[in-house]
Each structure stands twice: as structure tokens, then as C-alpha cells.
Amino acid sequence: MSSRPSSLRHPRTTLWLIALLSGVAWRAELELRTGWASLDWIGQFHWAIPAGVFAFILWVLSVTRVQRPWAFAATLLVYSTAAYFTVGRLLMTAFGRWMPFGDNDQHSMATEKLVSFLLIVLVPITFSILCRLFGIRVRLLPVLASAILFMLSWPLAAYAFYIVEQRGMPGDPIHALKSGYVIPLLILSLGLPVLRARRDAERG
């Protein structure tokens, strides 16, 4: 069964609001719990993440209609939990000193860090596939655009942080996350195929 538009009247505005508030919540929690200068934020559980994920899931459910909404909601919760731990491990490998295979060769380390970072592109792709399986007619081009924006979010956020706050080094992806600047861009990129699917459903 294909998706039909729901009663949410301003899906783009709502998505932007969720994205911005999620980024603000991350930064506020980090500053209040550990402060900017501390490294204790690394590896800690941040409540802003499940709050943002839950808000995004509610948004997806409100802008689409599927044949089994409860099953879709449960699947999104399981998927987001698995994605949280997987992406966390990938980022720890990409940004940290931890090497899962214990290889200290500099070339191998750089390659593994790059591959680990690039693998997070699977998040928007697998999310779109999941939507498609439940009948949301996401299209290929918006999915590709979502994946590209998802990856470009990191350098864009890093440069924005450097320009706005004059801290760190330009293009540093660690500060893109620490500052919270990357979070709104990631959420917006994930919502892109869903917005397009809703618009297509309204036209159809």
C-alpha cells in the first residue's frame, strides 16, 4: 500500500523546528554536563539523541500513512537503536585512536578511519529502504540527494562552526559534532525523501 498524505499541515516547518531544537538540545546538554573544554562528552550517553530521534520518528509517522503504522513505528524504533550503536562505533573508530583490529600501521589506520566515516552514509540509504518496504514511495533521486547531504553535513557544519564561533580548525568533523551544528543538517537530510514522497502522494 502506498503512503497517503497525513493531516500535518506544515511538514517542512515542523521538520526544520525538530532539526534546530535537536541541535540546540545537544549543545545545551554538552555545555551543562561537561562544559566545552572537557573531553568527557566523548562516549557518554546524551539524552538529546533519543529525544531528537523520537521527535523525528513522530514526524515521519505524522507526514506519512502506511498500512501497518504500529509495525512501522516499532521498526523505526528498533532501527534507530541499532543505528545509534553502529554509528557511535563508526565515529569512535573514525575520530578516535581505537582500532578494532589492532593495526598500528599509519596507512592502514588512515584507511580504516576513512572507511568507517564513509560507512555512515548507509544510514539515509537504509532508512529510505525501510520506508519503501512499508509503502512510502521514496524516489531514487531524493534518496541519493539525502545521502550526499548527509555526508556533506559534516564539512559544512565544521566550517560553519569555525566561522561563527572562531574555534578549532576549519573543516574539523569532531567539532561539527561537538558543537551540535551537524545535527540539524543530518535530520533535514533524512527527512528529504519523506517530504518528496508526501508531495508526490498529495499530487497523486
C-alpha atoms as a PDB file:
ATOM      1  CA  MET A   1       0.000   0.000   0.000  1.00  0.00           C
ATOM      2  CA  SER A   2       1.426   3.396  -0.916  1.00  0.00           C
ATOM      3  CA  SER A   3       1.624   6.252   1.519  1.00  0.00           C
ATOM      4  CA  ARG A   4      -1.026   8.976   1.609  1.00  0.00           C
ATOM      5  CA  PRO A   5      -0.581  12.487   2.943  1.00  0.00           C
ATOM      6  CA  SER A   6      -1.494  12.925   6.587  1.00  0.00           C
ATOM      7  CA  SER A   7      -3.153  15.819   8.357  1.00  0.00           C
ATOM      8  CA  LEU A   8       0.085  17.590   9.322  1.00  0.00           C
ATOM      9  CA  ARG A   9      -0.246  20.934   7.588  1.00  0.00           C
ATOM     10  CA  HIS A  10       3.319  22.242   7.687  1.00  0.00           C
ATOM     11  CA  PRO A  11       5.695  19.286   7.392  1.00  0.00           C
ATOM     12  CA  ARG A  12       8.702  21.326   6.232  1.00  0.00           C
ATOM     13  CA  THR A  13       8.387  23.863   9.028  1.00  0.00           C
ATOM     14  CA  THR A  14       7.939  21.099  11.580  1.00  0.00           C
ATOM     15  CA  LEU A  15      10.987  19.235  10.297  1.00  0.00           C
ATOM     16  CA  TRP A  16      13.098  22.403  10.472  1.00  0.00           C
ATOM     17  CA  LEU A  17      11.887  23.010  14.015  1.00  0.00           C
ATOM     18  CA  ILE A  18      12.744  19.467  15.116  1.00  0.00           C
ATOM     19  CA  ALA A  19      16.163  19.708  13.461  1.00  0.00           C
ATOM     20  CA  LEU A  20      17.070  23.048  15.061  1.00  0.00           C
ATOM     21  CA  LEU A  21      15.785  22.111  18.523  1.00  0.00           C
ATOM     22  CA  SER A  22      17.693  18.821  18.405  1.00  0.00           C
ATOM     23  CA  GLY A  23      20.927  20.662  17.678  1.00  0.00           C
ATOM     24  CA  VAL A  24      20.280  23.204  20.438  1.00  0.00           C
ATOM     25  CA  ALA A  25      19.391  20.435  22.905  1.00  0.00           C
ATOM     26  CA  TRP A  26      22.648  18.579  22.144  1.00  0.00           C
ATOM     27  CA  ARG A  27      24.778  21.687  22.624  1.00  0.00           C
ATOM     28  CA  ALA A  28      22.969  22.733  25.795  1.00  0.00           C
ATOM     29  CA  GLU A  29      23.321  19.267  27.321  1.00  0.00           C
ATOM     30  CA  LEU A  30      27.017  19.121  26.457  1.00  0.00           C
ATOM     31  CA  GLU A  31      27.746  22.562  27.881  1.00  0.00           C
ATOM     32  CA  LEU A  32      25.759  21.953  31.065  1.00  0.00           C
ATOM     33  CA  ARG A  33      27.060  18.448  31.784  1.00  0.00           C
ATOM     34  CA  THR A  34      30.723  18.614  30.840  1.00  0.00           C
ATOM     35  CA  GLY A  35      31.495  22.100  29.559  1.00  0.00           C
ATOM     36  CA  TRP A  36      33.133  22.869  26.256  1.00  0.00           C
ATOM     37  CA  ALA A  37      36.736  22.346  27.389  1.00  0.00           C
ATOM     38  CA  SER A  38      36.152  18.847  28.737  1.00  0.00           C
ATOM     39  CA  LEU A  39      36.535  15.650  26.701  1.00  0.00           C
ATOM     40  CA  ASP A  40      34.130  13.746  28.953  1.00  0.00           C
ATOM     41  CA  TRP A  41      31.344  14.165  26.391  1.00  0.00           C
ATOM     42  CA  ILE A  42      33.012  11.523  24.210  1.00  0.00           C
ATOM     43  CA  GLY A  43      31.430   8.126  24.749  1.00  0.00           C
ATOM     44  CA  GLN A  44      28.783   9.464  27.136  1.00  0.00           C
ATOM     45  CA  PHE A  45      25.082   8.860  26.704  1.00  0.00           C
ATOM     46  CA  HIS A  46      23.378  12.069  25.596  1.00  0.00           C
ATOM     47  CA  TRP A  47      19.644  12.400  26.187  1.00  0.00           C
ATOM     48  CA  ALA A  48      19.372  14.836  23.296  1.00  0.00           C
ATOM     49  CA  ILE A  49      19.947  11.964  20.869  1.00  0.00           C
ATOM     50  CA  PRO A  50      16.947   9.755  21.796  1.00  0.00           C
ATOM     51  CA  ALA A  51      14.818  12.887  22.207  1.00  0.00           C
ATOM     52  CA  GLY A  52      15.684  14.044  18.690  1.00  0.00           C
ATOM     53  CA  VAL A  53      15.261  10.572  17.229  1.00  0.00           C
ATOM     54  CA  PHE A  54      11.874  10.122  18.898  1.00  0.00           C
ATOM     55  CA  ALA A  55      10.718  13.527  17.618  1.00  0.00           C
ATOM     56  CA  PHE A  56      11.856  12.630  14.100  1.00  0.00           C
ATOM     57  CA  ILE A  57      10.049   9.276  14.219  1.00  0.00           C
ATOM     58  CA  LEU A  58       6.848  11.035  15.306  1.00  0.00           C
ATOM     59  CA  TRP A  59       7.313  13.450  12.415  1.00  0.00           C
ATOM     60  CA  VAL A  60       7.719  10.595   9.914  1.00  0.00           C
ATOM     61  CA  LEU A  61       4.599   8.905  11.249  1.00  0.00           C
ATOM     62  CA  SER A  62       2.644  12.159  11.067  1.00  0.00           C
ATOM     63  CA  VAL A  63       3.519  13.025   7.468  1.00  0.00           C
ATOM     64  CA  THR A  64       3.001   9.553   6.008  1.00  0.00           C
ATOM     65  CA  ARG A  65       0.388   6.847   6.186  1.00  0.00           C
ATOM     66  CA  VAL A  66       1.220   3.173   5.877  1.00  0.00           C
ATOM     67  CA  GLN A  67      -0.824   0.014   6.050  1.00  0.00           C
ATOM     68  CA  ARG A  68       0.665  -1.058   9.421  1.00  0.00           C
ATOM     69  CA  PRO A  69       1.555   2.125  11.320  1.00  0.00           C
ATOM     70  CA  TRP A  70       2.298   0.384  14.635  1.00  0.00           C
ATOM     71  CA  ALA A  71       4.629  -2.079  12.957  1.00  0.00           C
ATOM     72  CA  PHE A  72       6.289   0.800  11.131  1.00  0.00           C
ATOM     73  CA  ALA A  73       6.730   2.726  14.385  1.00  0.00           C
ATOM     74  CA  ALA A  74       8.192  -0.310  16.155  1.00  0.00           C
ATOM     75  CA  THR A  75      10.538  -0.979  13.238  1.00  0.00           C
ATOM     76  CA  LEU A  76      11.745   2.619  13.257  1.00  0.00           C
ATOM     77  CA  LEU A  77      12.468   2.393  16.984  1.00  0.00           C
ATOM     78  CA  VAL A  78      14.456  -0.822  16.558  1.00  0.00           C
ATOM     79  CA  TYR A  79      16.249   0.578  13.536  1.00  0.00           C
ATOM     80  CA  SER A  80      17.161   3.831  15.284  1.00  0.00           C
ATOM     81  CA  THR A  81      18.528   1.926  18.286  1.00  0.00           C
ATOM     82  CA  ALA A  82      20.707  -0.249  16.059  1.00  0.00           C
ATOM     83  CA  ALA A  83      21.817   2.803  14.061  1.00  0.00           C
ATOM     84  CA  TYR A  84      22.736   4.646  17.270  1.00  0.00           C
ATOM     85  CA  PHE A  85      25.162   1.964  18.424  1.00  0.00           C
ATOM     86  CA  THR A  86      26.519   1.299  14.930  1.00  0.00           C
ATOM     87  CA  VAL A  87      27.156   4.942  14.090  1.00  0.00           C
ATOM     88  CA  GLY A  88      28.629   5.516  17.542  1.00  0.00           C
ATOM     89  CA  ARG A  89      31.149   2.735  16.961  1.00  0.00           C
ATOM     90  CA  LEU A  90      31.973   4.008  13.481  1.00  0.00           C
ATOM     91  CA  LEU A  91      32.534   7.547  14.735  1.00  0.00           C
ATOM     92  CA  MET A  92      34.703   6.324  17.591  1.00  0.00           C
ATOM     93  CA  THR A  93      36.835   4.495  15.042  1.00  0.00           C
ATOM     94  CA  ALA A  94      36.899   7.439  12.621  1.00  0.00           C
ATOM     95  CA  PHE A  95      37.658  10.169  15.157  1.00  0.00           C
ATOM     96  CA  GLY A  96      39.389   8.319  17.983  1.00  0.00           C
ATOM     97  CA  ARG A  97      42.526   6.293  18.443  1.00  0.00           C
ATOM     98  CA  TRP A  98      40.745   2.985  18.914  1.00  0.00           C
ATOM     99  CA  MET A  99      41.490   0.428  16.187  1.00  0.00           C
ATOM    100  CA  PRO A 100      39.263  -2.666  16.138  1.00  0.00           C
ATOM    101  CA  PHE A 101      41.920  -4.858  14.518  1.00  0.00           C
ATOM    102  CA  GLY A 102      44.902  -3.542  16.477  1.00  0.00           C
ATOM    103  CA  ASP A 103      46.797  -2.450  13.366  1.00  0.00           C
ATOM    104  CA  ASN A 104      49.189   0.429  14.102  1.00  0.00           C
ATOM    105  CA  ASP A 105      50.340   0.946  10.513  1.00  0.00           C
ATOM    106  CA  GLN A 106      49.677   4.592   9.667  1.00  0.00           C
ATOM    107  CA  HIS A 107      48.342   3.891   6.168  1.00  0.00           C
ATOM    108  CA  SER A 108      46.038   1.139   7.380  1.00  0.00           C
ATOM    109  CA  MET A 109      44.854   3.334  10.245  1.00  0.00           C
ATOM    110  CA  ALA A 110      44.045   6.259   7.951  1.00  0.00           C
ATOM    111  CA  THR A 111      42.248   3.966   5.503  1.00  0.00           C
ATOM    112  CA  GLU A 112      40.181   2.316   8.215  1.00  0.00           C
ATOM    113  CA  LYS A 113      39.241   5.669   9.717  1.00  0.00           C
ATOM    114  CA  LEU A 114      38.114   6.967   6.332  1.00  0.00           C
ATOM    115  CA  VAL A 115      36.117   3.829   5.558  1.00  0.00           C
ATOM    116  CA  SER A 116      34.488   3.925   8.999  1.00  0.00           C
ATOM    117  CA  PHE A 117      33.403   7.506   8.446  1.00  0.00           C
ATOM    118  CA  LEU A 118      32.117   6.858   4.916  1.00  0.00           C
ATOM    119  CA  LEU A 119      30.040   3.899   6.113  1.00  0.00           C
ATOM    120  CA  ILE A 120      27.662   6.225   7.942  1.00  0.00           C
ATOM    121  CA  VAL A 121      26.206   7.041   4.509  1.00  0.00           C
ATOM    122  CA  LEU A 122      24.316   3.775   4.955  1.00  0.00           C
ATOM    123  CA  VAL A 123      22.032   5.493   7.485  1.00  0.00           C
ATOM    124  CA  PRO A 124      19.996   7.580   4.996  1.00  0.00           C
ATOM    125  CA  ILE A 125      20.089   4.765   2.438  1.00  0.00           C
ATOM    126  CA  THR A 126      18.831   2.052   4.787  1.00  0.00           C
ATOM    127  CA  PHE A 127      16.260   4.423   6.282  1.00  0.00           C
ATOM    128  CA  SER A 128      14.866   5.116   2.821  1.00  0.00           C
ATOM    129  CA  ILE A 129      14.784   1.407   2.007  1.00  0.00           C
ATOM    130  CA  LEU A 130      12.871   0.814   5.232  1.00  0.00           C
ATOM    131  CA  CYS A 131      10.339   3.481   4.292  1.00  0.00           C
ATOM    132  CA  ARG A 132       9.959   1.898   0.876  1.00  0.00           C
ATOM    133  CA  LEU A 133       9.310  -1.526   2.403  1.00  0.00           C
ATOM    134  CA  PHE A 134       6.375  -0.076   4.339  1.00  0.00           C
ATOM    135  CA  GLY A 135       4.860   1.502   1.239  1.00  0.00           C
ATOM    136  CA  ILE A 136       6.242   5.030   1.325  1.00  0.00           C
ATOM    137  CA  ARG A 137       7.143   5.773  -2.266  1.00  0.00           C
ATOM    138  CA  VAL A 138      10.505   7.415  -1.802  1.00  0.00           C
ATOM    139  CA  ARG A 139      12.258   8.081  -5.098  1.00  0.00           C
ATOM    140  CA  LEU A 140      15.829   7.328  -6.071  1.00  0.00           C
ATOM    141  CA  LEU A 141      16.973  10.902  -6.716  1.00  0.00           C
ATOM    142  CA  PRO A 142      15.792  12.264  -3.342  1.00  0.00           C
ATOM    143  CA  VAL A 143      17.431   9.271  -1.641  1.00  0.00           C
ATOM    144  CA  LEU A 144      20.730   9.988  -3.394  1.00  0.00           C
ATOM    145  CA  ALA A 145      20.412  13.670  -2.511  1.00  0.00           C
ATOM    146  CA  SER A 146      19.731  12.683   1.088  1.00  0.00           C
ATOM    147  CA  ALA A 147      22.848  10.502   1.210  1.00  0.00           C
ATOM    148  CA  ILE A 148      25.036  13.216  -0.338  1.00  0.00           C
ATOM    149  CA  LEU A 149      23.730  15.903   2.018  1.00  0.00           C
ATOM    150  CA  PHE A 150      24.128  13.532   4.970  1.00  0.00           C
ATOM    151  CA  MET A 151      27.854  13.272   4.252  1.00  0.00           C
ATOM    152  CA  LEU A 152      28.340  16.896   3.239  1.00  0.00           C
ATOM    153  CA  SER A 153      26.703  17.922   6.510  1.00  0.00           C
ATOM    154  CA  TRP A 154      29.944  17.218   8.356  1.00  0.00           C
ATOM    155  CA  PRO A 155      32.290  19.584   6.494  1.00  0.00           C
ATOM    156  CA  LEU A 156      29.535  22.181   6.108  1.00  0.00           C
ATOM    157  CA  ALA A 157      28.817  22.147   9.848  1.00  0.00           C
ATOM    158  CA  ALA A 158      32.520  22.200  10.701  1.00  0.00           C
ATOM    159  CA  TYR A 159      33.146  25.279   8.578  1.00  0.00           C
ATOM    160  CA  ALA A 160      30.008  26.965   9.915  1.00  0.00           C
ATOM    161  CA  PHE A 161      31.193  26.352  13.485  1.00  0.00           C
ATOM    162  CA  TYR A 162      34.623  27.770  12.706  1.00  0.00           C
ATOM    163  CA  ILE A 163      33.182  30.874  11.050  1.00  0.00           C
ATOM    164  CA  VAL A 164      30.525  31.561  13.695  1.00  0.00           C
ATOM    165  CA  GLU A 165      32.445  30.730  16.881  1.00  0.00           C
ATOM    166  CA  GLN A 166      36.064  31.074  15.739  1.00  0.00           C
ATOM    167  CA  ARG A 167      37.141  27.885  17.496  1.00  0.00           C
ATOM    168  CA  GLY A 168      39.075  24.830  16.431  1.00  0.00           C
ATOM    169  CA  MET A 169      40.286  24.221  12.909  1.00  0.00           C
ATOM    170  CA  PRO A 170      38.217  24.822   9.759  1.00  0.00           C
ATOM    171  CA  GLY A 171      36.685  21.599   8.477  1.00  0.00           C
ATOM    172  CA  ASP A 172      37.233  19.595  11.667  1.00  0.00           C
ATOM    173  CA  PRO A 173      34.418  16.985  11.754  1.00  0.00           C
ATOM    174  CA  ILE A 174      34.837  16.411  15.503  1.00  0.00           C
ATOM    175  CA  HIS A 175      33.838  19.997  16.195  1.00  0.00           C
ATOM    176  CA  ALA A 176      30.941  19.632  13.759  1.00  0.00           C
ATOM    177  CA  LEU A 177      29.513  17.054  16.161  1.00  0.00           C
ATOM    178  CA  LYS A 178      30.661  18.560  19.442  1.00  0.00           C
ATOM    179  CA  SER A 179      29.167  21.942  18.578  1.00  0.00           C
ATOM    180  CA  GLY A 180      25.864  20.387  17.534  1.00  0.00           C
ATOM    181  CA  TYR A 181      25.964  22.200  14.192  1.00  0.00           C
ATOM    182  CA  VAL A 182      25.835  18.958  12.214  1.00  0.00           C
ATOM    183  CA  ILE A 183      22.696  17.602  13.888  1.00  0.00           C
ATOM    184  CA  PRO A 184      20.103  19.818  12.138  1.00  0.00           C
ATOM    185  CA  LEU A 185      21.683  19.074   8.757  1.00  0.00           C
ATOM    186  CA  LEU A 186      21.612  15.323   9.380  1.00  0.00           C
ATOM    187  CA  ILE A 187      17.948  15.406  10.372  1.00  0.00           C
ATOM    188  CA  LEU A 188      16.982  17.561   7.408  1.00  0.00           C
ATOM    189  CA  SER A 189      18.793  15.241   5.021  1.00  0.00           C
ATOM    190  CA  LEU A 190      16.964  12.208   6.427  1.00  0.00           C
ATOM    191  CA  GLY A 191      13.619  13.921   6.018  1.00  0.00           C
ATOM    192  CA  LEU A 192      14.192  14.938   2.403  1.00  0.00           C
ATOM    193  CA  PRO A 193      12.956  11.709   0.713  1.00  0.00           C
ATOM    194  CA  VAL A 194       9.916  11.589   3.018  1.00  0.00           C
ATOM    195  CA  LEU A 195       8.962  15.156   2.156  1.00  0.00           C
ATOM    196  CA  ARG A 196       9.213  14.374  -1.548  1.00  0.00           C
ATOM    197  CA  ALA A 197       7.137  11.217  -1.126  1.00  0.00           C
ATOM    198  CA  ARG A 198       4.449  13.189   0.696  1.00  0.00           C
ATOM    199  CA  ARG A 199       4.357  15.823  -2.048  1.00  0.00           C
ATOM    200  CA  ASP A 200       4.041  13.119  -4.697  1.00  0.00           C
ATOM    201  CA  ALA A 201       1.197  11.496  -2.722  1.00  0.00           C
ATOM    202  CA  GLU A 202      -0.637  14.826  -2.469  1.00  0.00           C
ATOM    203  CA  ARG A 203      -0.351  15.305  -6.218  1.00  0.00           C
ATOM    204  CA  GLY A 204      -1.454  11.737  -6.912  1.00  0.00           C
END
